[in-house]
Amino acid sequence: MTVPAPPAPQEPSRPGGSKVPLVVAIAITGLLLVGVGVTALVLALTGPQSPEDGVRELVEATVSGDCEVLVTHPVTQLKSVAECEKQIAEGREAAEEADEDYDSFTLEVERIDVLDESEDDAVLLVDLAQSYTVDGEEQTEDFTREYTLTEDDGHWYVVTEKNATVNPKE
C-alpha cells in the first residue's frame, strides 16, 4: 500500500490579497499624469489658442516684463529680448526719477468684445484697468483699446493697437 504524499506547503495568505490591482492603478495614474503633463506642455509651447488669449498673453507679459513673450507680438516693435530688457531698465530709471513705484504697476483686462474674426485675423475691443503709484498715491485709469491680431501656426499675435481712450478714475 502506498501512502499518499503530504500536500505541498502553501504560502501563507497575505493581508489585502493580490498586489496586481495596486500595480495596475499606479501604472494608470502614471500614464494619466504623463498625459496631463504633455497636454500642458503642448499648450504652453503653442501659445494662445484664441484672439482673446493673445490679448491676455500680451497684457500679462507687459505687467510681468516677460521679454520672451513681448518680442513675439509685432505691436511692441521690439526686435530682441535684449532691446526689451533695456527698455524695461530705462523705464525703471525714469519711474524712480519721477518718484513712481515701478513695481506697483498693474494692468488688467476687464472686458473683451470680438468686433470681427476670421480664420486667421481678428479685431477686438478691450477694456483695461491700470493702476500705479506716484508720490505714494495710487493712480487708476480705465482704457479702451482696439487690437488687431493675426494667427500664425495656431498662435495669435497682437499686430496693432489703436483708438485708445483713457478715463482717469476719481
Foldseek 3Di string as FASTA:
>chain_A
DDDDDDDDDDDDADPPHDCVVVVVVVVVVVVVVVVVVVVVVVDVVLADQDQVRQVVQCQVCVLVVVLVSVCVAQANVDDDSVSSVVVVVVVVVVCVVQQWDSNQKHKDWDDKDWPDDDPFKTKIWTKMKIWTDGPRDIWIKIWIKIWIWTDDNSYIHTNHIDDIDIDTDD
